[in-house]
Amino acid sequence: MQLTAPATTTRSTGTRDADGMAVASFILGLLGLLVLNVFLGPIAIALAGAALWRGTARRGRAFLGLGLGVADLLVLLAFMQVDSTVSWSF
């Protein structure tokens, strides 16, 4: 009688954490296009990099988070050039 699941069918905690980081980077990068892109963009980039470094199974989502984080910073720079301020508003 076996009380625990076999080790071959469970995923390691590191992979689950990396998958969570990939999803979080995607969501923060997407949210950063609308609000607080000066904070959420770099966080999305860092989470995507950490997820890719840890070997996430959701590589596509991590790359999307990375791209959206860079896009957040580019949007911020574009609006800063137009408004000549550090922040932007509609």
N, C-alpha and C. Protein backbone atom coordinates (compact mmCIF):
# COMPACT_ATOMS: atom_id res chain seq x y z
N MET A 1 0.84 -1.17 0.00
CA MET A 1 0.00 0.00 0.00
C MET A 1 0.89 1.23 0.00
N GLN A 2 0.58 2.18 -0.89
CA GLN A 2 1.37 3.38 -1.00
C GLN A 2 0.51 4.58 -0.62
N LEU A 3 1.01 5.38 0.33
CA LEU A 3 0.23 6.50 0.83
C LEU A 3 0.52 7.80 0.09
N THR A 4 1.61 7.89 -0.60
CA THR A 4 1.95 9.11 -1.33
C THR A 4 2.03 8.79 -2.82
N ALA A 5 1.93 9.83 -3.62
CA ALA A 5 2.02 9.67 -5.06
C ALA A 5 3.47 9.35 -5.44
N PRO A 6 3.66 8.59 -6.50
CA PRO A 6 5.02 8.30 -6.94
C PRO A 6 5.74 9.59 -7.35
N ALA A 7 7.03 9.61 -7.17
CA ALA A 7 7.82 10.81 -7.45
C ALA A 7 7.86 11.15 -8.93
N THR A 8 7.63 10.19 -9.81
CA THR A 8 7.72 10.45 -11.24
C THR A 8 6.51 11.21 -11.77
N THR A 9 5.37 11.18 -11.09
CA THR A 9 4.19 11.85 -11.60
C THR A 9 4.01 13.27 -11.06
N THR A 10 4.77 13.65 -10.04
CA THR A 10 4.62 15.00 -9.51
C THR A 10 5.65 15.92 -10.14
N ARG A 11 5.28 17.18 -10.23
CA ARG A 11 6.19 18.18 -10.76
C ARG A 11 6.97 18.80 -9.62
N SER A 12 8.18 19.18 -9.89
CA SER A 12 8.98 19.79 -8.84
C SER A 12 8.46 21.18 -8.51
N THR A 13 8.75 21.62 -7.32
CA THR A 13 8.28 22.93 -6.87
C THR A 13 8.92 24.04 -7.70
N GLY A 14 10.16 23.88 -8.09
CA GLY A 14 10.84 24.90 -8.88
C GLY A 14 10.18 25.13 -10.22
N THR A 15 9.69 24.08 -10.85
CA THR A 15 9.01 24.22 -12.14
C THR A 15 7.67 24.92 -11.96
N ARG A 16 6.96 24.57 -10.88
CA ARG A 16 5.68 25.24 -10.62
C ARG A 16 5.90 26.72 -10.33
N ASP A 17 6.94 27.04 -9.57
CA ASP A 17 7.25 28.44 -9.29
C ASP A 17 7.60 29.19 -10.57
N ALA A 18 8.37 28.56 -11.44
CA ALA A 18 8.75 29.19 -12.69
C ALA A 18 7.53 29.40 -13.58
N ASP A 19 6.61 28.45 -13.60
CA ASP A 19 5.39 28.63 -14.38
C ASP A 19 4.56 29.78 -13.83
N GLY A 20 4.50 29.89 -12.51
CA GLY A 20 3.77 31.00 -11.89
C GLY A 20 4.41 32.34 -12.20
N MET A 21 5.74 32.36 -12.23
CA MET A 21 6.44 33.60 -12.59
C MET A 21 6.17 34.00 -14.03
N ALA A 22 6.09 33.02 -14.92
CA ALA A 22 5.80 33.31 -16.32
C ALA A 22 4.41 33.91 -16.47
N VAL A 23 3.44 33.36 -15.78
CA VAL A 23 2.08 33.88 -15.84
C VAL A 23 2.02 35.27 -15.20
N ALA A 24 2.69 35.44 -14.08
CA ALA A 24 2.69 36.74 -13.40
C ALA A 24 3.34 37.82 -14.26
N SER A 25 4.42 37.48 -14.96
CA SER A 25 5.07 38.46 -15.82
C SER A 25 4.16 38.87 -16.97
N PHE A 26 3.42 37.91 -17.51
CA PHE A 26 2.48 38.22 -18.59
C PHE A 26 1.38 39.16 -18.08
N ILE A 27 0.81 38.85 -16.94
CA ILE A 27 -0.29 39.66 -16.40
C ILE A 27 0.21 41.06 -16.01
N LEU A 28 1.36 41.14 -15.35
CA LEU A 28 1.89 42.45 -14.96
C LEU A 28 2.30 43.27 -16.17
N GLY A 29 2.84 42.63 -17.19
CA GLY A 29 3.19 43.35 -18.41
C GLY A 29 1.96 43.87 -19.12
N LEU A 30 0.90 43.09 -19.14
CA LEU A 30 -0.35 43.51 -19.77
C LEU A 30 -0.98 44.65 -18.98
N LEU A 31 -0.99 44.53 -17.69
CA LEU A 31 -1.55 45.57 -16.83
C LEU A 31 -0.71 46.84 -16.89
N GLY A 32 0.59 46.67 -17.05
CA GLY A 32 1.50 47.82 -17.10
C GLY A 32 1.30 48.68 -18.32
N LEU A 33 0.69 48.17 -19.37
CA LEU A 33 0.40 49.00 -20.53
C LEU A 33 -0.63 50.08 -20.20
N LEU A 34 -1.45 49.82 -19.18
CA LEU A 34 -2.50 50.76 -18.81
C LEU A 34 -2.13 51.67 -17.65
N VAL A 35 -1.55 51.09 -16.59
CA VAL A 35 -1.24 51.88 -15.39
C VAL A 35 0.13 51.47 -14.84
N LEU A 36 0.79 52.40 -14.18
CA LEU A 36 2.03 52.16 -13.45
C LEU A 36 3.10 51.43 -14.26
N ASN A 37 3.25 51.81 -15.51
CA ASN A 37 4.21 51.09 -16.35
C ASN A 37 5.65 51.31 -15.91
N VAL A 38 5.94 52.37 -15.18
CA VAL A 38 7.30 52.59 -14.70
C VAL A 38 7.68 51.54 -13.65
N PHE A 39 6.70 50.98 -12.93
CA PHE A 39 6.97 49.96 -11.93
C PHE A 39 6.72 48.55 -12.47
N LEU A 40 5.60 48.38 -13.18
CA LEU A 40 5.21 47.04 -13.61
C LEU A 40 6.05 46.53 -14.78
N GLY A 41 6.56 47.42 -15.61
CA GLY A 41 7.41 47.00 -16.73
C GLY A 41 8.67 46.29 -16.28
N PRO A 42 9.48 46.91 -15.42
CA PRO A 42 10.69 46.23 -14.94
C PRO A 42 10.40 44.96 -14.14
N ILE A 43 9.29 44.96 -13.38
CA ILE A 43 8.94 43.76 -12.62
C ILE A 43 8.60 42.62 -13.58
N ALA A 44 7.86 42.93 -14.65
CA ALA A 44 7.51 41.91 -15.64
C ALA A 44 8.76 41.36 -16.32
N ILE A 45 9.70 42.24 -16.62
CA ILE A 45 10.95 41.81 -17.26
C ILE A 45 11.74 40.89 -16.33
N ALA A 46 11.83 41.27 -15.05
CA ALA A 46 12.58 40.47 -14.09
C ALA A 46 11.93 39.11 -13.86
N LEU A 47 10.60 39.07 -13.75
CA LEU A 47 9.91 37.79 -13.55
C LEU A 47 10.04 36.89 -14.77
N ALA A 48 9.95 37.47 -15.95
CA ALA A 48 10.09 36.66 -17.17
C ALA A 48 11.50 36.10 -17.28
N GLY A 49 12.50 36.91 -16.97
CA GLY A 49 13.88 36.43 -17.00
C GLY A 49 14.12 35.31 -16.00
N ALA A 50 13.57 35.47 -14.79
CA ALA A 50 13.73 34.43 -13.77
C ALA A 50 13.01 33.15 -14.17
N ALA A 51 11.83 33.28 -14.77
CA ALA A 51 11.09 32.09 -15.20
C ALA A 51 11.83 31.36 -16.30
N LEU A 52 12.39 32.09 -17.25
CA LEU A 52 13.15 31.46 -18.33
C LEU A 52 14.43 30.83 -17.80
N TRP A 53 15.07 31.47 -16.84
CA TRP A 53 16.30 30.94 -16.27
C TRP A 53 16.04 29.66 -15.49
N ARG A 54 14.88 29.57 -14.83
CA ARG A 54 14.53 28.37 -14.07
C ARG A 54 13.96 27.25 -14.94
N GLY A 55 13.74 27.50 -16.20
CA GLY A 55 13.28 26.46 -17.10
C GLY A 55 11.78 26.22 -17.04
N THR A 56 11.01 27.25 -17.23
CA THR A 56 9.56 27.13 -17.18
C THR A 56 9.03 26.32 -18.36
N ALA A 57 7.91 25.66 -18.14
CA ALA A 57 7.25 24.95 -19.22
C ALA A 57 6.43 25.91 -20.08
N ARG A 58 6.17 27.09 -19.56
CA ARG A 58 5.38 28.11 -20.26
C ARG A 58 6.30 29.17 -20.84
N ARG A 59 7.17 28.74 -21.73
CA ARG A 59 8.15 29.64 -22.32
C ARG A 59 7.50 30.74 -23.14
N GLY A 60 6.43 30.41 -23.85
CA GLY A 60 5.74 31.41 -24.66
C GLY A 60 5.16 32.52 -23.81
N ARG A 61 4.57 32.16 -22.69
CA ARG A 61 4.00 33.17 -21.81
C ARG A 61 5.10 34.01 -21.18
N ALA A 62 6.24 33.40 -20.88
CA ALA A 62 7.35 34.16 -20.32
C ALA A 62 7.90 35.15 -21.35
N PHE A 63 8.01 34.72 -22.60
CA PHE A 63 8.47 35.63 -23.65
C PHE A 63 7.46 36.75 -23.90
N LEU A 64 6.17 36.45 -23.81
CA LEU A 64 5.16 37.51 -23.93
C LEU A 64 5.28 38.50 -22.78
N GLY A 65 5.49 38.01 -21.57
CA GLY A 65 5.69 38.89 -20.43
C GLY A 65 6.92 39.77 -20.60
N LEU A 66 7.98 39.19 -21.14
CA LEU A 66 9.21 39.94 -21.40
C LEU A 66 8.94 41.04 -22.45
N GLY A 67 8.27 40.67 -23.51
CA GLY A 67 7.95 41.65 -24.56
C GLY A 67 7.02 42.75 -24.07
N LEU A 68 6.03 42.38 -23.27
CA LEU A 68 5.12 43.38 -22.73
C LEU A 68 5.81 44.29 -21.73
N GLY A 69 6.75 43.76 -20.96
CA GLY A 69 7.52 44.60 -20.04
C GLY A 69 8.35 45.63 -20.78
N VAL A 70 8.97 45.21 -21.87
CA VAL A 70 9.74 46.15 -22.69
C VAL A 70 8.79 47.16 -23.34
N ALA A 71 7.63 46.70 -23.80
CA ALA A 71 6.65 47.60 -24.39
C ALA A 71 6.15 48.63 -23.37
N ASP A 72 6.01 48.22 -22.11
CA ASP A 72 5.62 49.17 -21.06
C ASP A 72 6.61 50.33 -20.98
N LEU A 73 7.88 49.99 -20.99
CA LEU A 73 8.90 51.03 -20.89
C LEU A 73 8.95 51.89 -22.15
N LEU A 74 8.71 51.29 -23.31
CA LEU A 74 8.69 52.07 -24.55
C LEU A 74 7.50 53.02 -24.59
N VAL A 75 6.35 52.56 -24.11
CA VAL A 75 5.17 53.43 -24.03
C VAL A 75 5.44 54.58 -23.08
N LEU A 76 6.07 54.29 -21.95
CA LEU A 76 6.40 55.34 -21.00
C LEU A 76 7.34 56.37 -21.64
N LEU A 77 8.37 55.90 -22.34
CA LEU A 77 9.30 56.82 -23.00
C LEU A 77 8.61 57.65 -24.07
N ALA A 78 7.70 57.05 -24.83
CA ALA A 78 6.98 57.78 -25.87
C ALA A 78 6.13 58.89 -25.27
N PHE A 79 5.39 58.58 -24.21
CA PHE A 79 4.55 59.59 -23.59
C PHE A 79 5.38 60.64 -22.86
N MET A 80 6.53 60.26 -22.35
CA MET A 80 7.40 61.24 -21.71
C MET A 80 7.95 62.22 -22.74
N GLN A 81 8.24 61.76 -23.94
CA GLN A 81 8.72 62.64 -24.99
C GLN A 81 7.64 63.61 -25.44
N VAL A 82 6.40 63.13 -25.49
CA VAL A 82 5.31 64.00 -25.94
C VAL A 82 4.97 65.03 -24.88
N ASP A 83 4.91 64.62 -23.60
CA ASP A 83 4.50 65.52 -22.53
C ASP A 83 5.67 66.29 -21.91
N SER A 84 6.88 65.87 -22.14
CA SER A 84 8.08 66.44 -21.52
C SER A 84 8.02 66.39 -20.01
N THR A 85 7.43 65.30 -19.47
CA THR A 85 7.37 65.09 -18.03
C THR A 85 7.80 63.68 -17.72
N VAL A 86 7.97 63.40 -16.42
CA VAL A 86 8.36 62.06 -16.02
C VAL A 86 7.17 61.12 -16.03
N SER A 87 5.97 61.63 -15.78
CA SER A 87 4.78 60.81 -15.81
C SER A 87 3.87 61.27 -16.94
N TRP A 88 2.88 60.47 -17.22
CA TRP A 88 1.96 60.85 -18.30
C TRP A 88 0.53 60.63 -17.83
N SER A 89 -0.38 61.37 -18.43
CA SER A 89 -1.81 61.26 -18.13
C SER A 89 -2.59 61.54 -19.40
N PHE A 90 -3.84 61.12 -19.39
CA PHE A 90 -4.67 61.31 -20.59
C PHE A 90 -5.29 62.65 -20.62
